[in-house]
C-alpha atoms as a PDB file:
ATOM      1  CA  MET A   1       0.000   0.000   0.000  1.00  0.00           C
ATOM      2  CA  ASN A   2       2.830   2.346   0.885  1.00  0.00           C
ATOM      3  CA  VAL A   3       4.554   1.456  -2.373  1.00  0.00           C
ATOM      4  CA  ASN A   4       1.447   2.379  -4.354  1.00  0.00           C
ATOM      5  CA  ASN A   5       1.171   5.735  -2.572  1.00  0.00           C
ATOM      6  CA  TYR A   6       4.822   6.383  -3.327  1.00  0.00           C
ATOM      7  CA  TYR A   7       4.326   5.831  -7.064  1.00  0.00           C
ATOM      8  CA  VAL A   8       1.173   7.970  -7.069  1.00  0.00           C
ATOM      9  CA  LYS A   9       3.029  10.870  -5.465  1.00  0.00           C
ATOM     10  CA  LEU A  10       5.952  10.411  -7.836  1.00  0.00           C
ATOM     11  CA  CYS A  11       3.692  10.502 -10.891  1.00  0.00           C
ATOM     12  CA  THR A  12       1.921  13.591  -9.573  1.00  0.00           C
ATOM     13  CA  ALA A  13       5.228  15.378  -9.057  1.00  0.00           C
ATOM     14  CA  LEU A  14       6.356  14.498 -12.580  1.00  0.00           C
ATOM     15  CA  VAL A  15       3.121  15.835 -14.059  1.00  0.00           C
ATOM     16  CA  VAL A  16       3.508  19.123 -12.160  1.00  0.00           C
ATOM     17  CA  LEU A  17       7.098  19.485 -13.338  1.00  0.00           C
ATOM     18  CA  LEU A  18       6.117  18.831 -16.941  1.00  0.00           C
ATOM     19  CA  LEU A  19       3.320  21.408 -16.796  1.00  0.00           C
ATOM     20  CA  ALA A  20       5.642  23.987 -15.274  1.00  0.00           C
ATOM     21  CA  ALA A  21       8.261  23.289 -17.908  1.00  0.00           C
ATOM     22  CA  GLY A  22       5.650  23.623 -20.643  1.00  0.00           C
ATOM     23  CA  ALA A  23       4.504  26.988 -19.291  1.00  0.00           C
ATOM     24  CA  THR A  24       8.112  28.139 -19.151  1.00  0.00           C
ATOM     25  CA  PHE A  25       8.883  27.122 -22.725  1.00  0.00           C
ATOM     26  CA  ALA A  26       5.548  28.536 -23.954  1.00  0.00           C
ATOM     27  CA  GLN A  27       6.889  32.090 -23.569  1.00  0.00           C
ATOM     28  CA  ARG A  28      10.256  33.666 -24.252  1.00  0.00           C
ATOM     29  CA  THR A  29      12.056  36.827 -23.253  1.00  0.00           C
ATOM     30  CA  VAL A  30      13.019  39.561 -25.692  1.00  0.00           C
ATOM     31  CA  THR A  31      15.407  42.386 -24.846  1.00  0.00           C
ATOM     32  CA  GLY A  32      16.433  45.481 -26.747  1.00  0.00           C
ATOM     33  CA  THR A  33      17.096  49.217 -26.830  1.00  0.00           C
ATOM     34  CA  VAL A  34      14.940  52.124 -28.020  1.00  0.00           C
ATOM     35  CA  THR A  35      16.644  55.213 -29.466  1.00  0.00           C
ATOM     36  CA  ASP A  36      15.729  58.441 -31.270  1.00  0.00           C
ATOM     37  CA  ALA A  37      15.975  57.985 -35.039  1.00  0.00           C
ATOM     38  CA  GLU A  38      17.538  61.442 -35.490  1.00  0.00           C
ATOM     39  CA  THR A  39      19.757  61.986 -32.440  1.00  0.00           C
ATOM     40  CA  LYS A  40      20.498  58.286 -31.790  1.00  0.00           C
ATOM     41  CA  GLU A  41      20.013  58.970 -28.071  1.00  0.00           C
ATOM     42  CA  ALA A  42      18.315  56.442 -25.801  1.00  0.00           C
ATOM     43  CA  ILE A  43      14.678  57.145 -24.891  1.00  0.00           C
ATOM     44  CA  SER A  44      13.479  56.250 -21.405  1.00  0.00           C
ATOM     45  CA  GLY A  45       9.865  55.600 -20.446  1.00  0.00           C
ATOM     46  CA  VAL A  46       8.816  54.136 -23.807  1.00  0.00           C
ATOM     47  CA  THR A  47       5.835  51.787 -23.535  1.00  0.00           C
ATOM     48  CA  VAL A  48       6.615  48.379 -25.035  1.00  0.00           C
ATOM     49  CA  LEU A  49       3.477  46.306 -25.624  1.00  0.00           C
ATOM     50  CA  VAL A  50       3.080  42.769 -26.894  1.00  0.00           C
ATOM     51  CA  LYS A  51       0.376  43.299 -29.501  1.00  0.00           C
ATOM     52  CA  GLY A  52      -2.784  41.328 -28.864  1.00  0.00           C
ATOM     53  CA  THR A  53      -1.941  40.656 -25.200  1.00  0.00           C
ATOM     54  CA  THR A  54      -1.794  42.500 -21.890  1.00  0.00           C
ATOM     55  CA  SER A  55       1.964  41.938 -21.519  1.00  0.00           C
ATOM     56  CA  GLY A  56       4.284  44.902 -21.682  1.00  0.00           C
ATOM     57  CA  ALA A  57       7.204  46.810 -20.201  1.00  0.00           C
ATOM     58  CA  PHE A  58       8.883  50.230 -20.084  1.00  0.00           C
ATOM     59  CA  THR A  59      12.373  51.248 -21.153  1.00  0.00           C
ATOM     60  CA  ASP A  60      14.803  52.279 -18.415  1.00  0.00           C
ATOM     61  CA  GLU A  61      17.004  55.380 -18.298  1.00  0.00           C
ATOM     62  CA  ASN A  62      19.313  53.754 -20.863  1.00  0.00           C
ATOM     63  CA  GLY A  63      16.461  52.951 -23.238  1.00  0.00           C
ATOM     64  CA  LYS A  64      16.704  49.217 -22.546  1.00  0.00           C
ATOM     65  CA  PHE A  65      13.744  46.897 -22.040  1.00  0.00           C
ATOM     66  CA  THR A  66      12.973  43.274 -21.259  1.00  0.00           C
ATOM     67  CA  VAL A  67       9.578  41.819 -22.085  1.00  0.00           C
ATOM     68  CA  ALA A  68       8.118  38.311 -21.929  1.00  0.00           C
ATOM     69  CA  ILE A  69       6.354  37.262 -25.135  1.00  0.00           C
ATOM     70  CA  PRO A  70       3.632  34.620 -24.773  1.00  0.00           C
ATOM     71  CA  GLU A  71       3.338  31.796 -27.262  1.00  0.00           C
ATOM     72  CA  GLY A  72       1.688  32.900 -30.497  1.00  0.00           C
ATOM     73  CA  ALA A  73       2.549  36.602 -30.126  1.00  0.00           C
ATOM     74  CA  THR A  74       4.932  37.950 -32.770  1.00  0.00           C
ATOM     75  CA  THR A  75       4.613  41.752 -32.757  1.00  0.00           C
ATOM     76  CA  LEU A  76       5.906  44.417 -30.374  1.00  0.00           C
ATOM     77  CA  GLU A  77       4.388  47.904 -30.308  1.00  0.00           C
ATOM     78  CA  PHE A  78       6.407  50.916 -29.125  1.00  0.00           C
ATOM     79  CA  ARG A  79       4.619  54.068 -27.949  1.00  0.00           C
ATOM     80  CA  PHE A  80       5.947  57.372 -26.639  1.00  0.00           C
ATOM     81  CA  PHE A  81       4.529  60.901 -26.679  1.00  0.00           C
ATOM     82  CA  GLY A  82       5.942  63.001 -29.508  1.00  0.00           C
ATOM     83  CA  TYR A  83       6.996  59.971 -31.539  1.00  0.00           C
ATOM     84  CA  ALA A  84       5.210  57.897 -34.151  1.00  0.00           C
ATOM     85  CA  THR A  85       3.913  54.567 -32.846  1.00  0.00           C
ATOM     86  CA  THR A  86       6.090  51.784 -34.252  1.00  0.00           C
ATOM     87  CA  GLU A  87       5.311  48.082 -34.660  1.00  0.00           C
ATOM     88  CA  VAL A  88       8.072  45.496 -35.070  1.00  0.00           C
ATOM     89  CA  GLU A  89       7.766  41.840 -36.050  1.00  0.00           C
ATOM     90  CA  VAL A  90       9.903  39.889 -33.608  1.00  0.00           C
ATOM     91  CA  GLY A  91       9.926  36.503 -35.315  1.00  0.00           C
ATOM     92  CA  ASP A  92      12.457  34.172 -33.684  1.00  0.00           C
ATOM     93  CA  ARG A  93      14.699  36.979 -32.472  1.00  0.00           C
ATOM     94  CA  THR A  94      15.551  37.477 -28.812  1.00  0.00           C
ATOM     95  CA  THR A  95      17.048  40.958 -29.281  1.00  0.00           C
ATOM     96  CA  VAL A  96      15.197  43.845 -30.925  1.00  0.00           C
ATOM     97  CA  ASP A  97      16.633  47.369 -31.265  1.00  0.00           C
ATOM     98  CA  VAL A  98      14.184  50.060 -32.369  1.00  0.00           C
ATOM     99  CA  SER A  99      14.525  53.692 -33.522  1.00  0.00           C
ATOM    100  CA  LEU A 100      11.486  55.935 -33.031  1.00  0.00           C
ATOM    101  CA  THR A 101      10.764  58.800 -35.434  1.00  0.00           C
ATOM    102  CA  PRO A 102       9.598  62.156 -33.980  1.00  0.00           C
ATOM    103  CA  GLU A 103       6.157  63.303 -35.120  1.00  0.00           C
ATOM    104  CA  ILE A 104       7.184  66.562 -36.741  1.00  0.00           C
ATOM    105  CA  SER A 105       3.598  67.567 -37.545  1.00  0.00           C
ATOM    106  CA  THR A 106       2.807  68.032 -33.857  1.00  0.00           C
ATOM    107  CA  LEU A 107       6.113  69.226 -32.426  1.00  0.00           C
ATOM    108  CA  GLU A 108       7.505  71.389 -35.216  1.00  0.00           C
ATOM    109  CA  GLU A 109       4.437  73.431 -36.202  1.00  0.00           C
ATOM    110  CA  VAL A 110       5.608  76.925 -37.081  1.00  0.00           C
ATOM    111  CA  VAL A 111       3.946  80.073 -35.757  1.00  0.00           C
ATOM    112  CA  VAL A 112       4.545  83.475 -37.380  1.00  0.00           C
ATOM    113  CA  THR A 113       5.598  86.221 -34.974  1.00  0.00           C
ATOM    114  CA  GLY A 114       6.611  89.817 -35.459  1.00  0.00           C
ATOM    115  CA  TYR A 115      10.271  88.828 -35.400  1.00  0.00           C
ATOM    116  CA  GLY A 116       9.994  85.908 -37.822  1.00  0.00           C
ATOM    117  CA  THR A 117       8.844  82.360 -37.077  1.00  0.00           C
ATOM    118  CA  GLN A 118       9.068  80.094 -34.050  1.00  0.00           C
ATOM    119  CA  LYS A 119       8.224  76.504 -33.288  1.00  0.00           C
ATOM    120  CA  GLN A 120       4.876  76.306 -31.569  1.00  0.00           C
ATOM    121  CA  LYS A 121       6.336  74.559 -28.513  1.00  0.00           C
ATOM    122  CA  GLU A 122       8.787  77.482 -28.018  1.00  0.00           C
ATOM    123  CA  VAL A 123       6.213  80.283 -28.140  1.00  0.00           C
ATOM    124  CA  THR A 124       5.566  81.990 -24.799  1.00  0.00           C
ATOM    125  CA  SER A 125       3.670  85.045 -26.075  1.00  0.00           C
ATOM    126  CA  SER A 126      -0.072  85.193 -26.644  1.00  0.00           C
ATOM    127  CA  ILE A 127      -0.243  84.112 -30.285  1.00  0.00           C
ATOM    128  CA  VAL A 128      -3.038  82.244 -32.041  1.00  0.00           C
ATOM    129  CA  SER A 129      -2.416  80.645 -35.424  1.00  0.00           C
ATOM    130  CA  VAL A 130      -5.474  79.808 -37.538  1.00  0.00           C
ATOM    131  CA  LYS A 131      -4.828  77.627 -40.580  1.00  0.00           C
ATOM    132  CA  ALA A 132      -6.949  77.457 -43.736  1.00  0.00           C
ATOM    133  CA  GLU A 133      -8.575  74.181 -42.692  1.00  0.00           C
ATOM    134  CA  ASP A 134      -9.801  75.857 -39.486  1.00  0.00           C
ATOM    135  CA  PHE A 135     -11.446  78.865 -41.173  1.00  0.00           C
ATOM    136  CA  ASN A 136     -15.215  79.301 -41.112  1.00  0.00           C
ATOM    137  CA  GLN A 137     -16.721  77.690 -44.192  1.00  0.00           C
ATOM    138  CA  GLY A 138     -19.692  78.720 -46.318  1.00  0.00           C
ATOM    139  CA  ASN A 139     -20.720  82.065 -47.771  1.00  0.00           C
ATOM    140  CA  VAL A 140     -17.680  84.067 -46.680  1.00  0.00           C
ATOM    141  CA  ASN A 141     -17.187  87.411 -48.434  1.00  0.00           C
ATOM    142  CA  ASN A 142     -14.874  89.126 -45.963  1.00  0.00           C
ATOM    143  CA  VAL A 143     -11.618  88.113 -44.317  1.00  0.00           C
ATOM    144  CA  ALA A 144     -13.038  88.987 -40.904  1.00  0.00           C
ATOM    145  CA  GLN A 145     -15.715  86.324 -41.311  1.00  0.00           C
ATOM    146  CA  LEU A 146     -13.024  83.659 -41.491  1.00  0.00           C
ATOM    147  CA  LEU A 147     -12.035  84.367 -37.877  1.00  0.00           C
ATOM    148  CA  GLN A 148     -15.419  84.840 -36.206  1.00  0.00           C
ATOM    149  CA  GLY A 149     -15.504  82.664 -33.099  1.00  0.00           C
ATOM    150  CA  LYS A 150     -12.030  81.258 -33.726  1.00  0.00           C
ATOM    151  CA  VAL A 151      -9.867  83.419 -31.456  1.00  0.00           C
ATOM    152  CA  ALA A 152     -10.513  84.160 -27.792  1.00  0.00           C
ATOM    153  CA  GLY A 153     -10.763  87.903 -27.141  1.00  0.00           C
ATOM    154  CA  LEU A 154     -11.235  88.761 -30.826  1.00  0.00           C
ATOM    155  CA  SER A 155     -14.532  90.593 -31.356  1.00  0.00           C
ATOM    156  CA  ILE A 156     -15.878  90.826 -34.926  1.00  0.00           C
ATOM    157  CA  TYR A 157     -19.221  92.555 -35.498  1.00  0.00           C
ATOM    158  CA  ARG A 158     -21.182  94.830 -37.828  1.00  0.00           C
ATOM    159  CA  PRO A 159     -21.848  98.242 -36.267  1.00  0.00           C
ATOM    160  CA  GLY A 160     -25.573  98.834 -35.906  1.00  0.00           C
ATOM    161  CA  GLY A 161     -26.352  95.432 -37.340  1.00  0.00           C
ATOM    162  CA  ASP A 162     -26.415  96.825 -40.881  1.00  0.00           C
ATOM    163  CA  PRO A 163     -25.738  93.859 -43.230  1.00  0.00           C
ATOM    164  CA  ASN A 164     -24.371  96.197 -45.902  1.00  0.00           C
ATOM    165  CA  ARG A 165     -21.667  97.707 -43.716  1.00  0.00           C
ATOM    166  CA  GLY A 166     -18.211  96.300 -43.139  1.00  0.00           C
ATOM    167  CA  PHE A 167     -16.987  94.537 -40.021  1.00  0.00           C
ATOM    168  CA  ASN A 168     -15.371  96.118 -36.994  1.00  0.00           C
ATOM    169  CA  ILE A 169     -12.515  94.108 -35.478  1.00  0.00           C
ATOM    170  CA  ARG A 170     -11.492  94.561 -31.848  1.00  0.00           C
ATOM    171  CA  LEU A 171      -8.690  92.426 -30.488  1.00  0.00           C
ATOM    172  CA  ARG A 172      -8.605  94.053 -27.085  1.00  0.00           C
ATOM    173  CA  GLY A 173     -11.498  94.924 -24.847  1.00  0.00           C
ATOM    174  CA  LEU A 174     -13.550  97.971 -25.808  1.00  0.00           C
ATOM    175  CA  SER A 175     -12.887  99.456 -22.376  1.00  0.00           C
ATOM    176  CA  SER A 176      -9.104  99.060 -22.615  1.00  0.00           C
ATOM    177  CA  LEU A 177      -6.647 101.737 -23.705  1.00  0.00           C
ATOM    178  CA  GLY A 178      -6.990 102.142 -27.454  1.00  0.00           C
ATOM    179  CA  GLY A 179      -9.962  99.801 -27.454  1.00  0.00           C
ATOM    180  CA  ASN A 180     -11.574 101.689 -30.334  1.00  0.00           C
ATOM    181  CA  THR A 181      -8.627 101.036 -32.649  1.00  0.00           C
ATOM    182  CA  GLU A 182      -8.602  98.084 -34.998  1.00  0.00           C
ATOM    183  CA  PRO A 183      -5.562  95.775 -35.016  1.00  0.00           C
ATOM    184  CA  LEU A 184      -2.704  96.361 -37.420  1.00  0.00           C
ATOM    185  CA  VAL A 185      -2.944  94.238 -40.576  1.00  0.00           C
ATOM    186  CA  VAL A 186       0.190  92.772 -42.169  1.00  0.00           C
ATOM    187  CA  ILE A 187      -0.262  90.890 -45.468  1.00  0.00           C
ATOM    188  CA  ASP A 188       2.797  88.979 -46.714  1.00  0.00           C
ATOM    189  CA  GLY A 189       5.074  91.438 -44.922  1.00  0.00           C
ATOM    190  CA  VAL A 190       3.259  94.580 -46.102  1.00  0.00           C
ATOM    191  CA  ILE A 191       2.472  96.579 -42.959  1.00  0.00           C
ATOM    192  CA  GLY A 192      -0.766  98.540 -42.824  1.00  0.00           C
ATOM    193  CA  ALA A 193      -2.427  96.686 -45.682  1.00  0.00           C
ATOM    194  CA  ASP A 194      -6.172  96.923 -46.228  1.00  0.00           C
ATOM    195  CA  LEU A 195      -8.042  93.870 -44.996  1.00  0.00           C
ATOM    196  CA  ASN A 196     -10.677  94.351 -47.696  1.00  0.00           C
ATOM    197  CA  SER A 197      -8.101  94.241 -50.493  1.00  0.00           C
ATOM    198  CA  ILE A 198      -7.604  90.494 -50.337  1.00  0.00           C
ATOM    199  CA  ASP A 199      -9.806  87.599 -51.387  1.00  0.00           C
ATOM    200  CA  PRO A 200     -10.581  85.265 -48.446  1.00  0.00           C
ATOM    201  CA  ASN A 201      -9.924  82.289 -50.741  1.00  0.00           C
ATOM    202  CA  ASP A 202      -6.306  83.400 -51.227  1.00  0.00           C
ATOM    203  CA  ILE A 203      -5.408  83.170 -47.532  1.00  0.00           C
ATOM    204  CA  ALA A 204      -3.317  80.248 -46.258  1.00  0.00           C
ATOM    205  CA  SER A 205      -3.138  81.229 -42.580  1.00  0.00           C
ATOM    206  CA  ILE A 206      -3.752  84.087 -40.159  1.00  0.00           C
ATOM    207  CA  ASP A 207      -1.600  84.608 -37.062  1.00  0.00           C
ATOM    208  CA  VAL A 208      -3.079  86.812 -34.349  1.00  0.00           C
ATOM    209  CA  LEU A 209      -0.560  88.586 -32.082  1.00  0.00           C
ATOM    210  CA  LYS A 210      -2.498  89.468 -28.972  1.00  0.00           C
ATOM    211  CA  ASP A 211      -0.052  90.758 -26.373  1.00  0.00           C
ATOM    212  CA  GLY A 212       2.605  93.453 -26.220  1.00  0.00           C
ATOM    213  CA  SER A 213       5.635  91.162 -26.332  1.00  0.00           C
ATOM    214  CA  ALA A 214       4.476  89.515 -29.551  1.00  0.00           C
ATOM    215  CA  ALA A 215       3.650  92.780 -31.338  1.00  0.00           C
ATOM    216  CA  ALA A 216       6.448  94.922 -29.874  1.00  0.00           C
ATOM    217  CA  ILE A 217       8.349  95.144 -33.170  1.00  0.00           C
ATOM    218  CA  TYR A 218       5.464  97.140 -34.676  1.00  0.00           C
ATOM    219  CA  GLY A 219       5.642  99.788 -31.958  1.00  0.00           C
ATOM    220  CA  THR A 220       2.542 101.869 -31.242  1.00  0.00           C
ATOM    221  CA  ARG A 221       0.924 100.648 -34.456  1.00  0.00           C
ATOM    222  CA  GLY A 222       0.591  97.225 -32.875  1.00  0.00           C
ATOM    223  CA  SER A 223      -0.856  98.491 -29.597  1.00  0.00           C
ATOM    224  CA  SER A 224      -4.256  97.033 -30.498  1.00  0.00           C
ATOM    225  CA  GLY A 225      -2.828  93.732 -31.699  1.00  0.00           C
ATOM    226  CA  VAL A 226      -1.623  92.520 -35.072  1.00  0.00           C
ATOM    227  CA  LEU A 227      -3.153  90.286 -37.740  1.00  0.00           C
ATOM    228  CA  ILE A 228      -0.429  88.651 -39.844  1.00  0.00           C
ATOM    229  CA  ILE A 229      -1.918  87.195 -43.019  1.00  0.00           C
ATOM    230  CA  THR A 230      -0.018  84.737 -45.190  1.00  0.00           C
ATOM    231  CA  THR A 231      -1.404  84.117 -48.659  1.00  0.00           C
ATOM    232  CA  LYS A 232      -1.261  80.950 -50.714  1.00  0.00           C
ATOM    233  CA  LYS A 233       1.707  80.466 -53.016  1.00  0.00           C
ATOM    234  CA  GLY A 234       2.451  78.309 -56.005  1.00  0.00           C
ATOM    235  CA  GLU A 235       4.049  74.930 -55.381  1.00  0.00           C
ATOM    236  CA  ALA A 236       6.017  72.609 -57.606  1.00  0.00           C
ATOM    237  CA  GLY A 237       4.233  69.526 -58.860  1.00  0.00           C
ATOM    238  CA  SER A 238       0.990  68.721 -60.586  1.00  0.00           C
ATOM    239  CA  SER A 239      -1.771  71.300 -60.987  1.00  0.00           C
ATOM    240  CA  VAL A 240      -4.397  71.525 -58.263  1.00  0.00           C
ATOM    241  CA  VAL A 241      -7.864  72.969 -58.821  1.00  0.00           C
ATOM    242  CA  ASN A 242     -10.087  73.863 -55.865  1.00  0.00           C
ATOM    243  CA  TYR A 243     -13.767  74.647 -56.178  1.00  0.00           C
ATOM    244  CA  ASN A 244     -16.024  76.132 -53.518  1.00  0.00           C
ATOM    245  CA  GLY A 245     -19.742  76.445 -54.155  1.00  0.00           C
ATOM    246  CA  TYR A 246     -22.758  77.398 -52.096  1.00  0.00           C
ATOM    247  CA  VAL A 247     -26.471  77.964 -52.605  1.00  0.00           C
ATOM    248  CA  THR A 248     -28.641  80.364 -50.622  1.00  0.00           C
ATOM    249  CA  ALA A 249     -32.374  80.967 -50.609  1.00  0.00           C
ATOM    250  CA  GLU A 250     -34.020  84.185 -49.457  1.00  0.00           C
ATOM    251  CA  GLN A 251     -37.639  85.161 -48.974  1.00  0.00           C
ATOM    252  CA  VAL A 252     -39.126  88.621 -48.595  1.00  0.00           C
ATOM    253  CA  ALA A 253     -40.769  88.921 -45.200  1.00  0.00           C
ATOM    254  CA  ARG A 254     -43.649  91.153 -46.407  1.00  0.00           C
ATOM    255  CA  VAL A 255     -44.478  92.334 -49.929  1.00  0.00           C
ATOM    256  CA  VAL A 256     -45.895  95.876 -49.979  1.00  0.00           C
ATOM    257  CA  ASP A 257     -48.810  96.356 -52.369  1.00  0.00           C
ATOM    258  CA  VAL A 258     -48.033  99.498 -54.392  1.00  0.00           C
ATOM    259  CA  MET A 259     -49.843 101.323 -57.205  1.00  0.00           C
ATOM    260  CA  SER A 260     -48.887 100.969 -60.811  1.00  0.00           C
ATOM    261  CA  ALA A 261     -47.890 104.012 -62.877  1.00  0.00           C
ATOM    262  CA  SER A 262     -51.363 104.427 -64.388  1.00  0.00           C
ATOM    263  CA  GLU A 263     -53.019 104.139 -60.968  1.00  0.00           C
ATOM    264  CA  PHE A 264     -50.665 106.760 -59.576  1.00  0.00           C
ATOM    265  CA  ARG A 265     -51.427 109.200 -62.467  1.00  0.00           C
ATOM    266  CA  GLU A 266     -55.131 108.696 -61.915  1.00  0.00           C
ATOM    267  CA  LEU A 267     -54.728 109.426 -58.219  1.00  0.00           C
ATOM    268  CA  VAL A 268     -52.805 112.618 -58.922  1.00  0.00           C
ATOM    269  CA  SER A 269     -55.331 113.787 -61.518  1.00  0.00           C
ATOM    270  CA  GLN A 270     -58.109 113.388 -58.976  1.00  0.00           C
ATOM    271  CA  GLY A 271     -56.327 115.788 -56.701  1.00  0.00           C
END
């Protein structure tokens, strides 16, 4: 009886060892280093995920990582803010070195200032850049209409509500010093240009300089802010044709019944 119990325990132990060994061999460990594709410097804090699983790791201060890959998983995904997400097929490799490419579209966006251009992440002044894709769409006949509701603190309105009059633009509060003065307009480097002299469809971007430090180069002329307008320019390559169309319908609120010419003459002749 004791011999039988001994063999039962021995078989049980062997089964447990085999299962543990199978679980161990079912996954493997992959190591590697993550660097910047441009500077070749190591990047710490990169998220390394095993695609399709919940396994993952982070790179250390030297950009190195170690991650366990379960059986059946073949792809590693690398994520870090400011860089493009990268996927790498591991295959049978145990070492994977990856270079991440910075996302230039988000980090290197250029903003026009009075002194030239700056990267958006380096701007400390109060500057708002509105690109063509962010303009108001529809029946736009005036440049001011492109910016309505797009910039905080920028007031655009028709005086008296007359639809036939032009727009008034106030970048600073009406109660502030010089609040009744419209902002300085700069079109393609021409200072003091007329806002009504340009077709809204020809504008590529509008940069609004709101505070004194941003508009200081323009002196007292920029005391009420500055609108820097950049127009579209020709580019090399194939021809591009853009078409904008709109349809409007209007209805007279009340039609006044008036006399014809003969009725009016008859009325006059009757005294």
